[in-house]
Amino acid sequence: MARASKKFPQTAYVAMKKSLQMEWQYIHRTVRDAGNFFDGVEEALASEFLPSLVGFDEDITCKYRKLAEPPVRHGGLSLSNSTTNSKECYKSSTLYCSNLLTALRGRFQYNPVDNLECQSEVMPEYWSRIEAVYKAKFKSEVDQFAQDTQRTLKRAKKTGCRFSAMPSHVGGTILSSTEFRDALMFRYARVPSNQPLATVVASPRSLM
């Protein structure tokens, strides 16, 4: 995936976010403490995939990796840490299926109406708590940057539509590799590598 992201960063990002990561999260939701087996995945994601996706070689494991973890609506890239996110995935799954699990254990007869009521009661409270966790986590990471950079990073919460939309010719959401990488750079207060250092402005007389 890191090799593919060099030429097709948007395609590789969507494949990672919408496909591979969903497979990992399925394991996290069904196997307790599965994150202990994903150290290699997280290392490859931080040291190979992200640098290749963004287009620079510097070590981003500490600074920018954590910024990419929250959902896009919270300023991140929805690339969660597969070693630490497993506990939350397992907890949310067991809460959502708590009524069904209890019925499978023979404690009472399964009723689909009761199951839906349980889900509607449990999940809103869980999501309100997890949303607060995302906000606090992003804020703690942003606070480590300089003041000017913080203002740019905080705007990332409102400028992530292109990272949430599926690439489509019909919708006009397909970006070239340059457009995608420039968007990532600007999102995280970095200067695109292909941006000229100075702009030459022609005199009005030369345009006549």
C-alpha atoms as a PDB file:
ATOM      1  CA  MET A   1       0.000   0.000   0.000  1.00  0.00           C
ATOM      2  CA  ALA A   2       2.891   2.368   0.720  1.00  0.00           C
ATOM      3  CA  ARG A   3       4.303   1.712  -2.748  1.00  0.00           C
ATOM      4  CA  ALA A   4       0.934   2.416  -4.360  1.00  0.00           C
ATOM      5  CA  SER A   5       0.540   5.673  -2.440  1.00  0.00           C
ATOM      6  CA  LYS A   6       3.609   7.152  -4.141  1.00  0.00           C
ATOM      7  CA  LYS A   7       1.746   7.447  -7.459  1.00  0.00           C
ATOM      8  CA  PHE A   8      -1.883   7.157  -6.345  1.00  0.00           C
ATOM      9  CA  PRO A   9      -2.112   8.706  -2.864  1.00  0.00           C
ATOM     10  CA  GLN A  10      -5.884   9.280  -2.855  1.00  0.00           C
ATOM     11  CA  THR A  11      -6.642   5.732  -4.006  1.00  0.00           C
ATOM     12  CA  ALA A  12      -4.241   4.257  -1.455  1.00  0.00           C
ATOM     13  CA  TYR A  13      -5.687   6.416   1.325  1.00  0.00           C
ATOM     14  CA  VAL A  14      -9.263   5.387   0.558  1.00  0.00           C
ATOM     15  CA  ALA A  15      -8.255   1.726   0.336  1.00  0.00           C
ATOM     16  CA  MET A  16      -6.523   1.947   3.700  1.00  0.00           C
ATOM     17  CA  LYS A  17      -9.333   3.866   5.382  1.00  0.00           C
ATOM     18  CA  LYS A  18     -12.364   2.117   3.876  1.00  0.00           C
ATOM     19  CA  SER A  19     -11.074  -1.424   3.362  1.00  0.00           C
ATOM     20  CA  LEU A  20      -7.967  -2.606   5.201  1.00  0.00           C
ATOM     21  CA  GLN A  21      -8.703  -0.652   8.362  1.00  0.00           C
ATOM     22  CA  MET A  22     -12.262  -2.021   8.444  1.00  0.00           C
ATOM     23  CA  GLU A  23     -10.881  -5.563   8.338  1.00  0.00           C
ATOM     24  CA  TRP A  24      -8.614  -4.800  11.289  1.00  0.00           C
ATOM     25  CA  GLN A  25     -11.482  -3.219  13.220  1.00  0.00           C
ATOM     26  CA  TYR A  26     -13.633  -6.292  12.662  1.00  0.00           C
ATOM     27  CA  ILE A  27     -10.968  -8.329  14.462  1.00  0.00           C
ATOM     28  CA  HIS A  28     -10.775  -5.678  17.183  1.00  0.00           C
ATOM     29  CA  ARG A  29     -14.529  -5.823  17.703  1.00  0.00           C
ATOM     30  CA  THR A  30     -14.677  -9.596  18.011  1.00  0.00           C
ATOM     31  CA  VAL A  31     -11.403 -10.539  19.739  1.00  0.00           C
ATOM     32  CA  ARG A  32     -10.493  -9.161  23.160  1.00  0.00           C
ATOM     33  CA  ASP A  33      -7.070  -7.445  23.359  1.00  0.00           C
ATOM     34  CA  ALA A  34      -6.386  -8.047  19.659  1.00  0.00           C
ATOM     35  CA  GLY A  35      -4.313  -4.861  19.543  1.00  0.00           C
ATOM     36  CA  ASN A  36      -1.382  -6.750  21.060  1.00  0.00           C
ATOM     37  CA  PHE A  37      -0.902  -8.462  17.687  1.00  0.00           C
ATOM     38  CA  PHE A  38      -0.882  -5.285  15.574  1.00  0.00           C
ATOM     39  CA  ASP A  39       2.468  -3.765  16.530  1.00  0.00           C
ATOM     40  CA  GLY A  40       3.912  -4.527  13.099  1.00  0.00           C
ATOM     41  CA  VAL A  41       0.903  -2.999  11.354  1.00  0.00           C
ATOM     42  CA  GLU A  42       1.155   0.212  13.345  1.00  0.00           C
ATOM     43  CA  GLU A  43       4.894   0.474  12.757  1.00  0.00           C
ATOM     44  CA  ALA A  44       4.440   0.075   8.997  1.00  0.00           C
ATOM     45  CA  LEU A  45       1.588   2.584   8.975  1.00  0.00           C
ATOM     46  CA  ALA A  46       3.604   5.222  10.829  1.00  0.00           C
ATOM     47  CA  SER A  47       7.033   4.736   9.263  1.00  0.00           C
ATOM     48  CA  GLU A  48       6.159   3.700   5.697  1.00  0.00           C
ATOM     49  CA  PHE A  49       2.581   4.417   4.650  1.00  0.00           C
ATOM     50  CA  LEU A  50       2.111   7.936   6.048  1.00  0.00           C
ATOM     51  CA  PRO A  51       5.448   9.357   4.837  1.00  0.00           C
ATOM     52  CA  SER A  52       4.801   7.890   1.390  1.00  0.00           C
ATOM     53  CA  LEU A  53       1.227   9.199   1.393  1.00  0.00           C
ATOM     54  CA  VAL A  54       2.200  12.748   2.303  1.00  0.00           C
ATOM     55  CA  GLY A  55       5.324  12.740   0.179  1.00  0.00           C
ATOM     56  CA  PHE A  56       8.148  13.549   2.582  1.00  0.00           C
ATOM     57  CA  ASP A  57      10.710  11.304   4.202  1.00  0.00           C
ATOM     58  CA  GLU A  58      11.117  12.825   7.634  1.00  0.00           C
ATOM     59  CA  ASP A  59      10.129  10.858  10.691  1.00  0.00           C
ATOM     60  CA  ILE A  60       6.496  11.672  11.443  1.00  0.00           C
ATOM     61  CA  THR A  61       5.922   8.836  13.888  1.00  0.00           C
ATOM     62  CA  CYS A  62       5.594  11.066  16.956  1.00  0.00           C
ATOM     63  CA  LYS A  63       4.292  14.413  15.717  1.00  0.00           C
ATOM     64  CA  TYR A  64       2.023  13.822  12.734  1.00  0.00           C
ATOM     65  CA  ARG A  65       1.047  10.196  13.323  1.00  0.00           C
ATOM     66  CA  LYS A  66      -1.058  11.111  16.331  1.00  0.00           C
ATOM     67  CA  LEU A  67      -2.738  13.945  14.426  1.00  0.00           C
ATOM     68  CA  ALA A  68      -3.873  11.455  11.792  1.00  0.00           C
ATOM     69  CA  GLU A  69      -5.626   9.188  14.296  1.00  0.00           C
ATOM     70  CA  PRO A  70      -8.892  11.092  15.033  1.00  0.00           C
ATOM     71  CA  PRO A  71     -11.778  11.084  12.539  1.00  0.00           C
ATOM     72  CA  VAL A  72     -11.706  13.619   9.706  1.00  0.00           C
ATOM     73  CA  ARG A  73     -14.441  15.659  11.407  1.00  0.00           C
ATOM     74  CA  HIS A  74     -12.078  16.112  14.357  1.00  0.00           C
ATOM     75  CA  GLY A  75      -9.112  17.230  12.277  1.00  0.00           C
ATOM     76  CA  GLY A  76      -7.522  13.817  11.703  1.00  0.00           C
ATOM     77  CA  LEU A  77      -7.432  11.371   8.801  1.00  0.00           C
ATOM     78  CA  SER A  78      -9.393   8.501  10.385  1.00  0.00           C
ATOM     79  CA  LEU A  79      -6.253   6.348  10.483  1.00  0.00           C
ATOM     80  CA  SER A  80      -6.587   4.979  13.986  1.00  0.00           C
ATOM     81  CA  ASN A  81      -3.808   3.319  15.937  1.00  0.00           C
ATOM     82  CA  SER A  82      -4.484  -0.405  15.567  1.00  0.00           C
ATOM     83  CA  THR A  83      -2.671  -1.229  18.813  1.00  0.00           C
ATOM     84  CA  THR A  84      -4.538   1.173  21.122  1.00  0.00           C
ATOM     85  CA  ASN A  85      -7.914   1.429  19.383  1.00  0.00           C
ATOM     86  CA  SER A  86      -8.774  -2.235  19.820  1.00  0.00           C
ATOM     87  CA  LYS A  87     -10.091  -1.801  23.363  1.00  0.00           C
ATOM     88  CA  GLU A  88     -12.575   0.873  22.313  1.00  0.00           C
ATOM     89  CA  CYS A  89     -13.693  -1.212  19.335  1.00  0.00           C
ATOM     90  CA  TYR A  90     -14.281  -4.261  21.519  1.00  0.00           C
ATOM     91  CA  LYS A  91     -16.102  -2.221  24.137  1.00  0.00           C
ATOM     92  CA  SER A  92     -18.419  -0.551  21.619  1.00  0.00           C
ATOM     93  CA  SER A  93     -19.194  -3.906  20.016  1.00  0.00           C
ATOM     94  CA  THR A  94     -20.039  -5.613  23.296  1.00  0.00           C
ATOM     95  CA  LEU A  95     -22.222  -2.683  24.360  1.00  0.00           C
ATOM     96  CA  TYR A  96     -24.084  -2.627  21.067  1.00  0.00           C
ATOM     97  CA  CYS A  97     -24.647  -6.400  21.177  1.00  0.00           C
ATOM     98  CA  SER A  98     -25.149  -6.708  24.943  1.00  0.00           C
ATOM     99  CA  ASN A  99     -28.795  -7.733  24.671  1.00  0.00           C
ATOM    100  CA  LEU A 100     -28.034 -10.327  22.000  1.00  0.00           C
ATOM    101  CA  LEU A 101     -25.061 -11.705  23.938  1.00  0.00           C
ATOM    102  CA  THR A 102     -27.156 -12.126  27.066  1.00  0.00           C
ATOM    103  CA  ALA A 103     -29.824 -13.963  25.083  1.00  0.00           C
ATOM    104  CA  LEU A 104     -27.231 -16.271  23.513  1.00  0.00           C
ATOM    105  CA  ARG A 105     -26.034 -17.180  27.001  1.00  0.00           C
ATOM    106  CA  GLY A 106     -29.544 -18.431  27.762  1.00  0.00           C
ATOM    107  CA  ARG A 107     -30.479 -15.855  30.380  1.00  0.00           C
ATOM    108  CA  PHE A 108     -33.677 -14.871  28.558  1.00  0.00           C
ATOM    109  CA  GLN A 109     -35.378 -15.383  25.224  1.00  0.00           C
ATOM    110  CA  TYR A 110     -34.224 -13.095  22.436  1.00  0.00           C
ATOM    111  CA  ASN A 111     -36.644 -10.357  21.438  1.00  0.00           C
ATOM    112  CA  PRO A 112     -35.734  -8.077  18.479  1.00  0.00           C
ATOM    113  CA  VAL A 113     -37.742  -5.193  19.950  1.00  0.00           C
ATOM    114  CA  ASP A 114     -35.834  -5.364  23.245  1.00  0.00           C
ATOM    115  CA  ASN A 115     -32.574  -5.574  21.299  1.00  0.00           C
ATOM    116  CA  LEU A 116     -33.331  -2.377  19.389  1.00  0.00           C
ATOM    117  CA  GLU A 117     -34.319  -0.588  22.589  1.00  0.00           C
ATOM    118  CA  CYS A 118     -31.055  -1.632  24.216  1.00  0.00           C
ATOM    119  CA  GLN A 119     -29.046  -0.341  21.267  1.00  0.00           C
ATOM    120  CA  SER A 120     -30.896   2.972  21.192  1.00  0.00           C
ATOM    121  CA  GLU A 121     -30.223   3.491  24.910  1.00  0.00           C
ATOM    122  CA  VAL A 122     -26.576   2.426  25.023  1.00  0.00           C
ATOM    123  CA  MET A 123     -24.997   3.825  21.879  1.00  0.00           C
ATOM    124  CA  PRO A 124     -25.912   7.558  22.129  1.00  0.00           C
ATOM    125  CA  GLU A 125     -24.262   7.757  25.534  1.00  0.00           C
ATOM    126  CA  TYR A 126     -21.223   5.846  24.285  1.00  0.00           C
ATOM    127  CA  TRP A 127     -20.790   8.055  21.218  1.00  0.00           C
ATOM    128  CA  SER A 128     -21.121  11.255  23.219  1.00  0.00           C
ATOM    129  CA  ARG A 129     -18.305  10.032  25.453  1.00  0.00           C
ATOM    130  CA  ILE A 130     -16.076   8.944  22.557  1.00  0.00           C
ATOM    131  CA  GLU A 131     -16.648  12.269  20.784  1.00  0.00           C
ATOM    132  CA  ALA A 132     -15.361  14.058  23.888  1.00  0.00           C
ATOM    133  CA  VAL A 133     -12.312  11.779  23.877  1.00  0.00           C
ATOM    134  CA  TYR A 134     -11.574  12.640  20.225  1.00  0.00           C
ATOM    135  CA  LYS A 135     -11.824  16.373  20.923  1.00  0.00           C
ATOM    136  CA  ALA A 136      -9.561  16.195  23.961  1.00  0.00           C
ATOM    137  CA  LYS A 137      -7.001  14.037  22.158  1.00  0.00           C
ATOM    138  CA  PHE A 138      -6.801  16.359  19.148  1.00  0.00           C
ATOM    139  CA  LYS A 139      -6.504  19.413  21.383  1.00  0.00           C
ATOM    140  CA  SER A 140      -3.663  17.874  23.383  1.00  0.00           C
ATOM    141  CA  GLU A 141      -1.741  17.150  20.180  1.00  0.00           C
ATOM    142  CA  VAL A 142      -2.385  20.590  18.661  1.00  0.00           C
ATOM    143  CA  ASP A 143      -1.244  22.364  21.828  1.00  0.00           C
ATOM    144  CA  GLN A 144       2.277  21.039  21.250  1.00  0.00           C
ATOM    145  CA  PHE A 145       2.705  23.155  18.107  1.00  0.00           C
ATOM    146  CA  ALA A 146       3.491  26.845  17.741  1.00  0.00           C
ATOM    147  CA  GLN A 147       0.610  29.321  17.983  1.00  0.00           C
ATOM    148  CA  ASP A 148       0.488  30.079  14.246  1.00  0.00           C
ATOM    149  CA  THR A 149       0.447  26.384  13.410  1.00  0.00           C
ATOM    150  CA  GLN A 150      -2.294  25.748  15.970  1.00  0.00           C
ATOM    151  CA  ARG A 151      -4.674  28.100  14.159  1.00  0.00           C
ATOM    152  CA  THR A 152      -4.187  26.191  10.918  1.00  0.00           C
ATOM    153  CA  LEU A 153      -4.582  22.805  12.581  1.00  0.00           C
ATOM    154  CA  LYS A 154      -7.809  23.845  14.294  1.00  0.00           C
ATOM    155  CA  ARG A 155      -9.309  24.778  10.930  1.00  0.00           C
ATOM    156  CA  ALA A 156      -8.758  21.189   9.795  1.00  0.00           C
ATOM    157  CA  LYS A 157     -12.040  20.226  11.487  1.00  0.00           C
ATOM    158  CA  LYS A 158     -13.938  22.275   8.900  1.00  0.00           C
ATOM    159  CA  THR A 159     -11.887  21.508   5.803  1.00  0.00           C
ATOM    160  CA  GLY A 160     -11.895  17.724   5.518  1.00  0.00           C
ATOM    161  CA  CYS A 161     -14.684  17.051   3.012  1.00  0.00           C
ATOM    162  CA  ARG A 162     -12.267  15.931   0.307  1.00  0.00           C
ATOM    163  CA  PHE A 163     -10.887  13.246   2.635  1.00  0.00           C
ATOM    164  CA  SER A 164     -14.331  11.910   3.540  1.00  0.00           C
ATOM    165  CA  ALA A 165     -15.758  11.752   0.013  1.00  0.00           C
ATOM    166  CA  MET A 166     -15.283   8.642  -2.099  1.00  0.00           C
ATOM    167  CA  PRO A 167     -13.382   9.316  -5.351  1.00  0.00           C
ATOM    168  CA  SER A 168     -15.902   9.565  -8.175  1.00  0.00           C
ATOM    169  CA  HIS A 169     -15.845  10.854 -11.743  1.00  0.00           C
ATOM    170  CA  VAL A 170     -19.545  11.631 -11.467  1.00  0.00           C
ATOM    171  CA  GLY A 171     -19.158  13.609  -8.255  1.00  0.00           C
ATOM    172  CA  GLY A 172     -15.925  15.261  -9.354  1.00  0.00           C
ATOM    173  CA  THR A 173     -14.107  14.140  -6.210  1.00  0.00           C
ATOM    174  CA  ILE A 174     -11.074  12.516  -7.845  1.00  0.00           C
ATOM    175  CA  LEU A 175      -7.856  14.377  -7.057  1.00  0.00           C
ATOM    176  CA  SER A 176      -4.503  14.096  -8.779  1.00  0.00           C
ATOM    177  CA  SER A 177      -1.524  13.052  -6.687  1.00  0.00           C
ATOM    178  CA  THR A 178      -0.374  16.686  -6.520  1.00  0.00           C
ATOM    179  CA  GLU A 179      -3.805  17.987  -5.506  1.00  0.00           C
ATOM    180  CA  PHE A 180      -4.195  15.356  -2.800  1.00  0.00           C
ATOM    181  CA  ARG A 181      -0.744  15.916  -1.316  1.00  0.00           C
ATOM    182  CA  ASP A 182      -1.116  19.698  -1.431  1.00  0.00           C
ATOM    183  CA  ALA A 183      -4.401  19.370   0.453  1.00  0.00           C
ATOM    184  CA  LEU A 184      -2.674  17.261   3.117  1.00  0.00           C
ATOM    185  CA  MET A 185       0.169  19.742   3.417  1.00  0.00           C
ATOM    186  CA  PHE A 186      -2.105  22.743   3.825  1.00  0.00           C
ATOM    187  CA  ARG A 187      -4.295  20.799   6.277  1.00  0.00           C
ATOM    188  CA  TYR A 188      -1.333  20.304   8.601  1.00  0.00           C
ATOM    189  CA  ALA A 189       0.312  23.705   8.140  1.00  0.00           C
ATOM    190  CA  ARG A 190       3.119  22.556   5.891  1.00  0.00           C
ATOM    191  CA  VAL A 191       4.402  24.086   2.657  1.00  0.00           C
ATOM    192  CA  PRO A 192       3.914  21.831  -0.388  1.00  0.00           C
ATOM    193  CA  SER A 193       7.219  20.633  -1.796  1.00  0.00           C
ATOM    194  CA  ASN A 194       6.336  21.830  -5.303  1.00  0.00           C
ATOM    195  CA  GLN A 195       5.366  25.352  -4.265  1.00  0.00           C
ATOM    196  CA  PRO A 196       7.728  28.029  -5.641  1.00  0.00           C
ATOM    197  CA  LEU A 197       9.689  29.982  -3.075  1.00  0.00           C
ATOM    198  CA  ALA A 198       8.872  33.298  -4.746  1.00  0.00           C
ATOM    199  CA  THR A 199       6.234  34.555  -7.148  1.00  0.00           C
ATOM    200  CA  VAL A 200       7.241  36.784 -10.033  1.00  0.00           C
ATOM    201  CA  VAL A 201       4.623  39.428 -10.789  1.00  0.00           C
ATOM    202  CA  ALA A 202       4.725  40.927 -14.259  1.00  0.00           C
ATOM    203  CA  SER A 203       4.552  44.695 -14.612  1.00  0.00           C
ATOM    204  CA  PRO A 204       1.330  46.146 -16.071  1.00  0.00           C
ATOM    205  CA  ARG A 205       3.207  47.387 -19.169  1.00  0.00           C
ATOM    206  CA  SER A 206       4.365  43.866 -20.038  1.00  0.00           C
ATOM    207  CA  LEU A 207       0.737  42.757 -20.327  1.00  0.00           C
ATOM    208  CA  MET A 208      -0.139  45.349 -22.954  1.00  0.00           C
END
